[in-house]
Amino acid sequence: MTVAALLAGMFLATYLTRASFLVFGHRLRFPPALKAALHHVPVAVLTAIIVPEALAPGGQVDVSVSNPWLVGTLVAAVVARLSGHLLLSLGVSFAVFGLMRWW
């Protein structure tokens, strides 16, 4: 199978999945329990992406204060919780990460 055929298949699957919600979305009625569960999906997905890299950069588990990925992640979480400003938490955590990588 060629790369072009694989890409076309992936495009078609993605397009049809997303288009179905645009076409049939007004008819869908989700139960309250499912709506409540779907509310937590973005947090779960971001956690699944961020935590493995923060705890094991390069594939080796490193839970120490010398791990800039872990420290930057923790700083971002603390600043976001205390200030409520996403941009501020990103800026501060990037600065901490950059300083730790530089030194």
PDB file of N, CA and C in Angstrom:
ATOM      1  N   MET A   1       0.848  -1.177   0.000  1.00  0.00           N
ATOM      2  CA  MET A   1       0.000   0.000   0.000  1.00  0.00           C
ATOM      3  C   MET A   1       0.895   1.242   0.000  1.00  0.00           C
ATOM      4  N   THR A   2       0.559   2.177  -0.813  1.00  0.00           N
ATOM      5  CA  THR A   2       1.407   3.354  -0.936  1.00  0.00           C
ATOM      6  C   THR A   2       1.095   4.361   0.171  1.00  0.00           C
ATOM      7  N   VAL A   3       2.009   5.265   0.331  1.00  0.00           N
ATOM      8  CA  VAL A   3       1.841   6.312   1.329  1.00  0.00           C
ATOM      9  C   VAL A   3       0.642   7.182   0.978  1.00  0.00           C
ATOM     10  N   ALA A   4       0.448   7.459  -0.297  1.00  0.00           N
ATOM     11  CA  ALA A   4      -0.678   8.292  -0.722  1.00  0.00           C
ATOM     12  C   ALA A   4      -2.008   7.629  -0.371  1.00  0.00           C
ATOM     13  N   ALA A   5      -2.107   6.323  -0.556  1.00  0.00           N
ATOM     14  CA  ALA A   5      -3.346   5.611  -0.224  1.00  0.00           C
ATOM     15  C   ALA A   5      -3.586   5.630   1.286  1.00  0.00           C
ATOM     16  N   LEU A   6      -2.522   5.478   2.059  1.00  0.00           N
ATOM     17  CA  LEU A   6      -2.664   5.540   3.513  1.00  0.00           C
ATOM     18  C   LEU A   6      -3.125   6.927   3.964  1.00  0.00           C
ATOM     19  N   LEU A   7      -2.516   7.955   3.408  1.00  0.00           N
ATOM     20  CA  LEU A   7      -2.909   9.322   3.750  1.00  0.00           C
ATOM     21  C   LEU A   7      -4.355   9.599   3.343  1.00  0.00           C
ATOM     22  N   ALA A   8      -4.743   9.125   2.171  1.00  0.00           N
ATOM     23  CA  ALA A   8      -6.122   9.325   1.718  1.00  0.00           C
ATOM     24  C   ALA A   8      -7.101   8.599   2.644  1.00  0.00           C
ATOM     25  N   GLY A   9      -6.758   7.411   3.066  1.00  0.00           N
ATOM     26  CA  GLY A   9      -7.616   6.664   3.992  1.00  0.00           C
ATOM     27  C   GLY A   9      -7.738   7.350   5.337  1.00  0.00           C
ATOM     28  N   MET A  10      -6.617   7.864   5.851  1.00  0.00           N
ATOM     29  CA  MET A  10      -6.658   8.577   7.134  1.00  0.00           C
ATOM     30  C   MET A  10      -7.470   9.865   7.009  1.00  0.00           C
ATOM     31  N   PHE A  11      -7.302  10.570   5.896  1.00  0.00           N
ATOM     32  CA  PHE A  11      -8.077  11.787   5.665  1.00  0.00           C
ATOM     33  C   PHE A  11      -9.563  11.474   5.621  1.00  0.00           C
ATOM     34  N   LEU A  12      -9.929  10.421   4.885  1.00  0.00           N
ATOM     35  CA  LEU A  12     -11.335  10.059   4.748  1.00  0.00           C
ATOM     36  C   LEU A  12     -11.942   9.673   6.098  1.00  0.00           C
ATOM     37  N   ALA A  13     -11.221   8.875   6.864  1.00  0.00           N
ATOM     38  CA  ALA A  13     -11.726   8.464   8.179  1.00  0.00           C
ATOM     39  C   ALA A  13     -11.901   9.669   9.101  1.00  0.00           C
ATOM     40  N   THR A  14     -10.936  10.565   9.103  1.00  0.00           N
ATOM     41  CA  THR A  14     -11.029  11.753   9.953  1.00  0.00           C
ATOM     42  C   THR A  14     -12.153  12.667   9.489  1.00  0.00           C
ATOM     43  N   TYR A  15     -12.236  12.890   8.202  1.00  0.00           N
ATOM     44  CA  TYR A  15     -13.249  13.793   7.659  1.00  0.00           C
ATOM     45  C   TYR A  15     -14.656  13.267   7.926  1.00  0.00           C
ATOM     46  N   LEU A  16     -14.882  11.979   7.679  1.00  0.00           N
ATOM     47  CA  LEU A  16     -16.219  11.418   7.884  1.00  0.00           C
ATOM     48  C   LEU A  16     -16.618  11.435   9.356  1.00  0.00           C
ATOM     49  N   THR A  17     -15.666  11.172  10.226  1.00  0.00           N
ATOM     50  CA  THR A  17     -15.963  11.198  11.651  1.00  0.00           C
ATOM     51  C   THR A  17     -16.367  12.596  12.093  1.00  0.00           C
ATOM     52  N   ARG A  18     -15.639  13.589  11.672  1.00  0.00           N
ATOM     53  CA  ARG A  18     -15.947  14.968  12.082  1.00  0.00           C
ATOM     54  C   ARG A  18     -17.166  15.509  11.367  1.00  0.00           C
ATOM     55  N   ALA A  19     -17.336  15.170  10.105  1.00  0.00           N
ATOM     56  CA  ALA A  19     -18.490  15.661   9.348  1.00  0.00           C
ATOM     57  C   ALA A  19     -19.785  15.073   9.877  1.00  0.00           C
ATOM     58  N   SER A  20     -19.729  13.866  10.426  1.00  0.00           N
ATOM     59  CA  SER A  20     -20.959  13.253  10.948  1.00  0.00           C
ATOM     60  C   SER A  20     -21.551  14.089  12.080  1.00  0.00           C
ATOM     61  N   PHE A  21     -20.710  14.705  12.892  1.00  0.00           N
ATOM     62  CA  PHE A  21     -21.228  15.544  13.969  1.00  0.00           C
ATOM     63  C   PHE A  21     -21.816  16.844  13.423  1.00  0.00           C
ATOM     64  N   LEU A  22     -21.276  17.341  12.321  1.00  0.00           N
ATOM     65  CA  LEU A  22     -21.835  18.549  11.721  1.00  0.00           C
ATOM     66  C   LEU A  22     -23.169  18.257  11.040  1.00  0.00           C
ATOM     67  N   VAL A  23     -23.273  17.091  10.414  1.00  0.00           N
ATOM     68  CA  VAL A  23     -24.491  16.741   9.689  1.00  0.00           C
ATOM     69  C   VAL A  23     -25.588  16.276  10.637  1.00  0.00           C
ATOM     70  N   PHE A  24     -25.227  15.394  11.571  1.00  0.00           N
ATOM     71  CA  PHE A  24     -26.232  14.793  12.450  1.00  0.00           C
ATOM     72  C   PHE A  24     -26.206  15.353  13.872  1.00  0.00           C
ATOM     73  N   GLY A  25     -25.376  16.344  14.134  1.00  0.00           N
ATOM     74  CA  GLY A  25     -25.194  16.855  15.485  1.00  0.00           C
ATOM     75  C   GLY A  25     -26.446  17.411  16.124  1.00  0.00           C
ATOM     76  N   HIS A  26     -27.301  18.025  15.344  1.00  0.00           N
ATOM     77  CA  HIS A  26     -28.520  18.613  15.913  1.00  0.00           C
ATOM     78  C   HIS A  26     -29.501  17.542  16.376  1.00  0.00           C
ATOM     79  N   ARG A  27     -29.351  16.314  15.897  1.00  0.00           N
ATOM     80  CA  ARG A  27     -30.251  15.224  16.290  1.00  0.00           C
ATOM     81  C   ARG A  27     -29.733  14.443  17.492  1.00  0.00           C
ATOM     82  N   LEU A  28     -28.471  14.606  17.818  1.00  0.00           N
ATOM     83  CA  LEU A  28     -27.888  13.841  18.914  1.00  0.00           C
ATOM     84  C   LEU A  28     -28.279  14.438  20.258  1.00  0.00           C
ATOM     85  N   ARG A  29     -28.695  13.592  21.146  1.00  0.00           N
ATOM     86  CA  ARG A  29     -29.000  13.999  22.515  1.00  0.00           C
ATOM     87  C   ARG A  29     -28.219  13.075  23.445  1.00  0.00           C
ATOM     88  N   PHE A  30     -27.271  13.662  24.167  1.00  0.00           N
ATOM     89  CA  PHE A  30     -26.448  12.865  25.070  1.00  0.00           C
ATOM     90  C   PHE A  30     -27.079  12.833  26.453  1.00  0.00           C
ATOM     91  N   PRO A  31     -27.025  11.678  27.122  1.00  0.00           N
ATOM     92  CA  PRO A  31     -27.517  11.617  28.498  1.00  0.00           C
ATOM     93  C   PRO A  31     -26.652  12.493  29.408  1.00  0.00           C
ATOM     94  N   PRO A  32     -27.206  12.980  30.512  1.00  0.00           N
ATOM     95  CA  PRO A  32     -26.450  13.852  31.416  1.00  0.00           C
ATOM     96  C   PRO A  32     -25.158  13.222  31.932  1.00  0.00           C
ATOM     97  N   ALA A  33     -25.161  11.912  32.181  1.00  0.00           N
ATOM     98  CA  ALA A  33     -23.949  11.257  32.669  1.00  0.00           C
ATOM     99  C   ALA A  33     -22.838  11.314  31.622  1.00  0.00           C
ATOM    100  N   LEU A  34     -23.188  11.130  30.349  1.00  0.00           N
ATOM    101  CA  LEU A  34     -22.184  11.200  29.281  1.00  0.00           C
ATOM    102  C   LEU A  34     -21.682  12.633  29.110  1.00  0.00           C
ATOM    103  N   LYS A  35     -22.572  13.601  29.222  1.00  0.00           N
ATOM    104  CA  LYS A  35     -22.145  15.002  29.137  1.00  0.00           C
ATOM    105  C   LYS A  35     -21.158  15.333  30.256  1.00  0.00           C
ATOM    106  N   ALA A  36     -21.436  14.835  31.441  1.00  0.00           N
ATOM    107  CA  ALA A  36     -20.535  15.080  32.574  1.00  0.00           C
ATOM    108  C   ALA A  36     -19.188  14.409  32.345  1.00  0.00           C
ATOM    109  N   ALA A  37     -19.196  13.206  31.784  1.00  0.00           N
ATOM    110  CA  ALA A  37     -17.945  12.495  31.521  1.00  0.00           C
ATOM    111  C   ALA A  37     -17.140  13.192  30.423  1.00  0.00           C
ATOM    112  N   LEU A  38     -17.808  13.651  29.378  1.00  0.00           N
ATOM    113  CA  LEU A  38     -17.111  14.320  28.280  1.00  0.00           C
ATOM    114  C   LEU A  38     -16.490  15.642  28.713  1.00  0.00           C
ATOM    115  N   HIS A  39     -17.010  16.215  29.776  1.00  0.00           N
ATOM    116  CA  HIS A  39     -16.453  17.469  30.295  1.00  0.00           C
ATOM    117  C   HIS A  39     -15.002  17.280  30.757  1.00  0.00           C
ATOM    118  N   HIS A  40     -14.644  16.072  31.166  1.00  0.00           N
ATOM    119  CA  HIS A  40     -13.309  15.801  31.701  1.00  0.00           C
ATOM    120  C   HIS A  40     -12.311  15.306  30.646  1.00  0.00           C
ATOM    121  N   VAL A  41     -12.747  15.115  29.424  1.00  0.00           N
ATOM    122  CA  VAL A  41     -11.865  14.571  28.379  1.00  0.00           C
ATOM    123  C   VAL A  41     -10.660  15.471  28.093  1.00  0.00           C
ATOM    124  N   PRO A  42     -10.793  16.788  27.924  1.00  0.00           N
ATOM    125  CA  PRO A  42      -9.609  17.594  27.631  1.00  0.00           C
ATOM    126  C   PRO A  42      -8.529  17.502  28.710  1.00  0.00           C
ATOM    127  N   VAL A  43      -8.930  17.508  29.962  1.00  0.00           N
ATOM    128  CA  VAL A  43      -7.953  17.408  31.046  1.00  0.00           C
ATOM    129  C   VAL A  43      -7.257  16.050  31.011  1.00  0.00           C
ATOM    130  N   ALA A  44      -8.020  14.997  30.763  1.00  0.00           N
ATOM    131  CA  ALA A  44      -7.436  13.654  30.712  1.00  0.00           C
ATOM    132  C   ALA A  44      -6.458  13.515  29.553  1.00  0.00           C
ATOM    133  N   VAL A  45      -6.791  14.069  28.406  1.00  0.00           N
ATOM    134  CA  VAL A  45      -5.911  13.978  27.236  1.00  0.00           C
ATOM    135  C   VAL A  45      -4.627  14.772  27.468  1.00  0.00           C
ATOM    136  N   LEU A  46      -4.744  15.991  27.982  1.00  0.00           N
ATOM    137  CA  LEU A  46      -3.544  16.779  28.253  1.00  0.00           C
ATOM    138  C   LEU A  46      -2.654  16.110  29.297  1.00  0.00           C
ATOM    139  N   THR A  47      -3.264  15.522  30.308  1.00  0.00           N
ATOM    140  CA  THR A  47      -2.495  14.811  31.326  1.00  0.00           C
ATOM    141  C   THR A  47      -1.764  13.624  30.717  1.00  0.00           C
ATOM    142  N   ALA A  48      -2.443  12.892  29.849  1.00  0.00           N
ATOM    143  CA  ALA A  48      -1.821  11.729  29.204  1.00  0.00           C
ATOM    144  C   ALA A  48      -0.656  12.125  28.306  1.00  0.00           C
ATOM    145  N   ILE A  49      -0.683  13.328  27.775  1.00  0.00           N
ATOM    146  CA  ILE A  49       0.412  13.797  26.921  1.00  0.00           C
ATOM    147  C   ILE A  49       1.569  14.347  27.753  1.00  0.00           C
ATOM    148  N   ILE A  50       1.259  15.124  28.780  1.00  0.00           N
ATOM    149  CA  ILE A  50       2.289  15.861  29.518  1.00  0.00           C
ATOM    150  C   ILE A  50       3.020  15.016  30.550  1.00  0.00           C
ATOM    151  N   VAL A  51       2.301  14.231  31.334  1.00  0.00           N
ATOM    152  CA  VAL A  51       2.909  13.520  32.463  1.00  0.00           C
ATOM    153  C   VAL A  51       4.023  12.554  32.051  1.00  0.00           C
ATOM    154  N   PRO A  52       3.850  11.726  31.021  1.00  0.00           N
ATOM    155  CA  PRO A  52       4.961  10.828  30.670  1.00  0.00           C
ATOM    156  C   PRO A  52       6.246  11.569  30.304  1.00  0.00           C
ATOM    157  N   GLU A  53       6.124  12.683  29.602  1.00  0.00           N
ATOM    158  CA  GLU A  53       7.322  13.441  29.231  1.00  0.00           C
ATOM    159  C   GLU A  53       7.929  14.142  30.437  1.00  0.00           C
ATOM    160  N   ALA A  54       7.091  14.593  31.360  1.00  0.00           N
ATOM    161  CA  ALA A  54       7.609  15.273  32.552  1.00  0.00           C
ATOM    162  C   ALA A  54       8.316  14.297  33.481  1.00  0.00           C
ATOM    163  N   LEU A  55       7.797  13.097  33.605  1.00  0.00           N
ATOM    164  CA  LEU A  55       8.385  12.122  34.526  1.00  0.00           C
ATOM    165  C   LEU A  55       9.526  11.315  33.914  1.00  0.00           C
ATOM    166  N   ALA A  56       9.494  11.136  32.602  1.00  0.00           N
ATOM    167  CA  ALA A  56      10.510  10.300  31.962  1.00  0.00           C
ATOM    168  C   ALA A  56      11.001  10.930  30.666  1.00  0.00           C
ATOM    169  N   PRO A  57      11.695  12.064  30.749  1.00  0.00           N
ATOM    170  CA  PRO A  57      12.232  12.656  29.522  1.00  0.00           C
ATOM    171  C   PRO A  57      13.315  11.752  28.931  1.00  0.00           C
ATOM    172  N   GLY A  58      13.203  11.501  27.657  1.00  0.00           N
ATOM    173  CA  GLY A  58      14.185  10.634  27.013  1.00  0.00           C
ATOM    174  C   GLY A  58      13.990   9.161  27.327  1.00  0.00           C
ATOM    175  N   GLY A  59      12.871   8.794  27.933  1.00  0.00           N
ATOM    176  CA  GLY A  59      12.584   7.396  28.211  1.00  0.00           C
ATOM    177  C   GLY A  59      13.075   6.880  29.553  1.00  0.00           C
ATOM    178  N   GLN A  60      13.809   7.683  30.291  1.00  0.00           N
ATOM    179  CA  GLN A  60      14.318   7.276  31.605  1.00  0.00           C
ATOM    180  C   GLN A  60      13.582   8.044  32.691  1.00  0.00           C
ATOM    181  N   VAL A  61      13.026   7.321  33.657  1.00  0.00           N
ATOM    182  CA  VAL A  61      12.298   7.967  34.744  1.00  0.00           C
ATOM    183  C   VAL A  61      13.268   8.797  35.576  1.00  0.00           C
ATOM    184  N   ASP A  62      12.906  10.063  35.778  1.00  0.00           N
ATOM    185  CA  ASP A  62      13.739  10.988  36.549  1.00  0.00           C
ATOM    186  C   ASP A  62      12.822  11.865  37.392  1.00  0.00           C
ATOM    187  N   VAL A  63      12.652  11.476  38.651  1.00  0.00           N
ATOM    188  CA  VAL A  63      11.790  12.224  39.556  1.00  0.00           C
ATOM    189  C   VAL A  63      12.684  12.959  40.550  1.00  0.00           C
ATOM    190  N   SER A  64      13.443  13.910  40.032  1.00  0.00           N
ATOM    191  CA  SER A  64      14.349  14.677  40.883  1.00  0.00           C
ATOM    192  C   SER A  64      14.186  16.156  40.568  1.00  0.00           C
ATOM    193  N   VAL A  65      14.736  16.981  41.426  1.00  0.00           N
ATOM    194  CA  VAL A  65      14.649  18.426  41.208  1.00  0.00           C
ATOM    195  C   VAL A  65      15.572  18.891  40.083  1.00  0.00           C
ATOM    196  N   SER A  66      16.414  18.019  39.584  1.00  0.00           N
ATOM    197  CA  SER A  66      17.272  18.382  38.455  1.00  0.00           C
ATOM    198  C   SER A  66      16.614  18.084  37.104  1.00  0.00           C
ATOM    199  N   ASN A  67      15.398  17.588  37.107  1.00  0.00           N
ATOM    200  CA  ASN A  67      14.657  17.308  35.875  1.00  0.00           C
ATOM    201  C   ASN A  67      13.893  18.566  35.467  1.00  0.00           C
ATOM    202  N   PRO A  68      14.354  19.279  34.431  1.00  0.00           N
ATOM    203  CA  PRO A  68      13.711  20.547  34.067  1.00  0.00           C
ATOM    204  C   PRO A  68      12.279  20.366  33.561  1.00  0.00           C
ATOM    205  N   TRP A  69      11.970  19.244  32.931  1.00  0.00           N
ATOM    206  CA  TRP A  69      10.611  18.997  32.450  1.00  0.00           C
ATOM    207  C   TRP A  69       9.644  18.866  33.630  1.00  0.00           C
ATOM    208  N   LEU A  70      10.052  18.132  34.645  1.00  0.00           N
ATOM    209  CA  LEU A  70       9.204  17.944  35.824  1.00  0.00           C
ATOM    210  C   LEU A  70       9.049  19.250  36.601  1.00  0.00           C
ATOM    211  N   VAL A  71      10.136  19.942  36.823  1.00  0.00           N
ATOM    212  CA  VAL A  71      10.075  21.202  37.573  1.00  0.00           C
ATOM    213  C   VAL A  71       9.240  22.231  36.810  1.00  0.00           C
ATOM    214  N   GLY A  72       9.440  22.328  35.502  1.00  0.00           N
ATOM    215  CA  GLY A  72       8.649  23.264  34.698  1.00  0.00           C
ATOM    216  C   GLY A  72       7.166  22.945  34.728  1.00  0.00           C
ATOM    217  N   THR A  73       6.840  21.663  34.684  1.00  0.00           N
ATOM    218  CA  THR A  73       5.439  21.249  34.752  1.00  0.00           C
ATOM    219  C   THR A  73       4.830  21.587  36.102  1.00  0.00           C
ATOM    220  N   LEU A  74       5.559  21.305  37.166  1.00  0.00           N
ATOM    221  CA  LEU A  74       5.054  21.612  38.508  1.00  0.00           C
ATOM    222  C   LEU A  74       4.904  23.116  38.720  1.00  0.00           C
ATOM    223  N   VAL A  75       5.865  23.892  38.227  1.00  0.00           N
ATOM    224  CA  VAL A  75       5.774  25.348  38.335  1.00  0.00           C
ATOM    225  C   VAL A  75       4.551  25.854  37.565  1.00  0.00           C
ATOM    226  N   ALA A  76       4.324  25.323  36.376  1.00  0.00           N
ATOM    227  CA  ALA A  76       3.153  25.730  35.593  1.00  0.00           C
ATOM    228  C   ALA A  76       1.864  25.427  36.345  1.00  0.00           C
ATOM    229  N   ALA A  77       1.785  24.255  36.959  1.00  0.00           N
ATOM    230  CA  ALA A  77       0.580  23.879  37.698  1.00  0.00           C
ATOM    231  C   ALA A  77       0.354  24.792  38.902  1.00  0.00           C
ATOM    232  N   VAL A  78       1.417  25.089  39.631  1.00  0.00           N
ATOM    233  CA  VAL A  78       1.284  25.936  40.824  1.00  0.00           C
ATOM    234  C   VAL A  78       0.915  27.365  40.434  1.00  0.00           C
ATOM    235  N   VAL A  79       1.592  27.918  39.443  1.00  0.00           N
ATOM    236  CA  VAL A  79       1.299  29.301  39.030  1.00  0.00           C
ATOM    237  C   VAL A  79      -0.117  29.398  38.464  1.00  0.00           C
ATOM    238  N   ALA A  80      -0.527  28.414  37.670  1.00  0.00           N
ATOM    239  CA  ALA A  80      -1.885  28.436  37.120  1.00  0.00           C
ATOM    240  C   ALA A  80      -2.923  28.347  38.222  1.00  0.00           C
ATOM    241  N   ARG A  81      -2.667  27.519  39.209  1.00  0.00           N
ATOM    242  CA  ARG A  81      -3.617  27.360  40.320  1.00  0.00           C
ATOM    243  C   ARG A  81      -3.701  28.636  41.165  1.00  0.00           C
ATOM    244  N   LEU A  82      -2.568  29.229  41.444  1.00  0.00           N
ATOM    245  CA  LEU A  82      -2.558  30.412  42.302  1.00  0.00           C
ATOM    246  C   LEU A  82      -3.048  31.671  41.593  1.00  0.00           C
ATOM    247  N   SER A  83      -2.661  31.819  40.329  1.00  0.00           N
ATOM    248  CA  SER A  83      -2.995  33.063  39.629  1.00  0.00           C
ATOM    249  C   SER A  83      -4.251  32.947  38.771  1.00  0.00           C
ATOM    250  N   GLY A  84      -4.503  31.765  38.237  1.00  0.00           N
ATOM    251  CA  GLY A  84      -5.640  31.603  37.339  1.00  0.00           C
ATOM    252  C   GLY A  84      -5.371  32.101  35.934  1.00  0.00           C
ATOM    253  N   HIS A  85      -4.129  32.490  35.644  1.00  0.00           N
ATOM    254  CA  HIS A  85      -3.762  33.018  34.322  1.00  0.00           C
ATOM    255  C   HIS A  85      -2.911  31.993  33.573  1.00  0.00           C
ATOM    256  N   LEU A  86      -3.449  31.473  32.493  1.00  0.00           N
ATOM    257  CA  LEU A  86      -2.752  30.466  31.711  1.00  0.00           C
ATOM    258  C   LEU A  86      -1.474  31.015  31.090  1.00  0.00           C
ATOM    259  N   LEU A  87      -1.552  32.198  30.508  1.00  0.00           N
ATOM    260  CA  LEU A  87      -0.383  32.775  29.847  1.00  0.00           C
ATOM    261  C   LEU A  87       0.747  33.038  30.835  1.00  0.00           C
ATOM    262  N   LEU A  88       0.410  33.517  32.010  1.00  0.00           N
ATOM    263  CA  LEU A  88       1.419  33.748  33.035  1.00  0.00           C
ATOM    264  C   LEU A  88       2.080  32.433  33.451  1.00  0.00           C
ATOM    265  N   SER A  89       1.282  31.390  33.636  1.00  0.00           N
ATOM    266  CA  SER A  89       1.850  30.101  34.039  1.00  0.00           C
ATOM    267  C   SER A  89       2.763  29.539  32.957  1.00  0.00           C
ATOM    268  N   LEU A  90       2.380  29.711  31.696  1.00  0.00           N
ATOM    269  CA  LEU A  90       3.239  29.249  30.600  1.00  0.00           C
ATOM    270  C   LEU A  90       4.545  30.020  30.558  1.00  0.00           C
ATOM    271  N   GLY A  91       4.470  31.330  30.679  1.00  0.00           N
ATOM    272  CA  GLY A  91       5.675  32.146  30.641  1.00  0.00           C
ATOM    273  C   GLY A  91       6.638  31.839  31.772  1.00  0.00           C
ATOM    274  N   VAL A  92       6.111  31.727  32.982  1.00  0.00           N
ATOM    275  CA  VAL A  92       6.966  31.440  34.136  1.00  0.00           C
ATOM    276  C   VAL A  92       7.566  30.041  34.019  1.00  0.00           C
ATOM    277  N   SER A  93       6.754  29.064  33.626  1.00  0.00           N
ATOM    278  CA  SER A  93       7.284  27.700  33.530  1.00  0.00           C
ATOM    279  C   SER A  93       8.309  27.575  32.404  1.00  0.00           C
ATOM    280  N   PHE A  94       8.098  28.283  31.284  1.00  0.00           N
ATOM    281  CA  PHE A  94       9.102  28.270  30.217  1.00  0.00           C
ATOM    282  C   PHE A  94      10.399  28.902  30.685  1.00  0.00           C
ATOM    283  N   ALA A  95      10.284  29.979  31.446  1.00  0.00           N
ATOM    284  CA  ALA A  95      11.487  30.634  31.972  1.00  0.00           C
ATOM    285  C   ALA A  95      12.243  29.703  32.913  1.00  0.00           C
ATOM    286  N   VAL A  96      11.526  29.031  33.805  1.00  0.00           N
ATOM    287  CA  VAL A  96      12.166  28.090  34.736  1.00  0.00           C
ATOM    288  C   VAL A  96      12.808  26.945  33.963  1.00  0.00           C
ATOM    289  N   PHE A  97      12.077  26.401  33.007  1.00  0.00           N
ATOM    290  CA  PHE A  97      12.610  25.307  32.198  1.00  0.00           C
ATOM    291  C   PHE A  97      13.868  25.751  31.450  1.00  0.00           C
ATOM    292  N   GLY A  98      13.800  26.929  30.813  1.00  0.00           N
ATOM    293  CA  GLY A  98      14.944  27.425  30.059  1.00  0.00           C
ATOM    294  C   GLY A  98      16.161  27.666  30.931  1.00  0.00           C
ATOM    295  N   LEU A  99      15.954  28.237  32.112  1.00  0.00           N
ATOM    296  CA  LEU A  99      17.081  28.469  33.023  1.00  0.00           C
ATOM    297  C   LEU A  99      17.685  27.153  33.502  1.00  0.00           C
ATOM    298  N   MET A 100      16.827  26.166  33.783  1.00  0.00           N
ATOM    299  CA  MET A 100      17.358  24.868  34.230  1.00  0.00           C
ATOM    300  C   MET A 100      18.132  24.155  33.127  1.00  0.00           C
ATOM    301  N   ARG A 101      17.657  24.283  31.887  1.00  0.00           N
ATOM    302  CA  ARG A 101      18.363  23.647  30.763  1.00  0.00           C
ATOM    303  C   ARG A 101      19.669  24.372  30.450  1.00  0.00           C
ATOM    304  N   TRP A 102      19.678  25.692  30.660  1.00  0.00           N
ATOM    305  CA  TRP A 102      20.854  26.481  30.350  1.00  0.00           C
ATOM    306  C   TRP A 102      21.956  26.248  31.359  1.00  0.00           C
ATOM    307  N   TRP A 103      21.578  26.111  32.642  1.00  0.00           N
ATOM    308  CA  TRP A 103      22.591  25.897  33.677  1.00  0.00           C
ATOM    309  C   TRP A 103      22.867  24.462  33.807  1.00  0.00           C
TER     310      TRP A 103
END
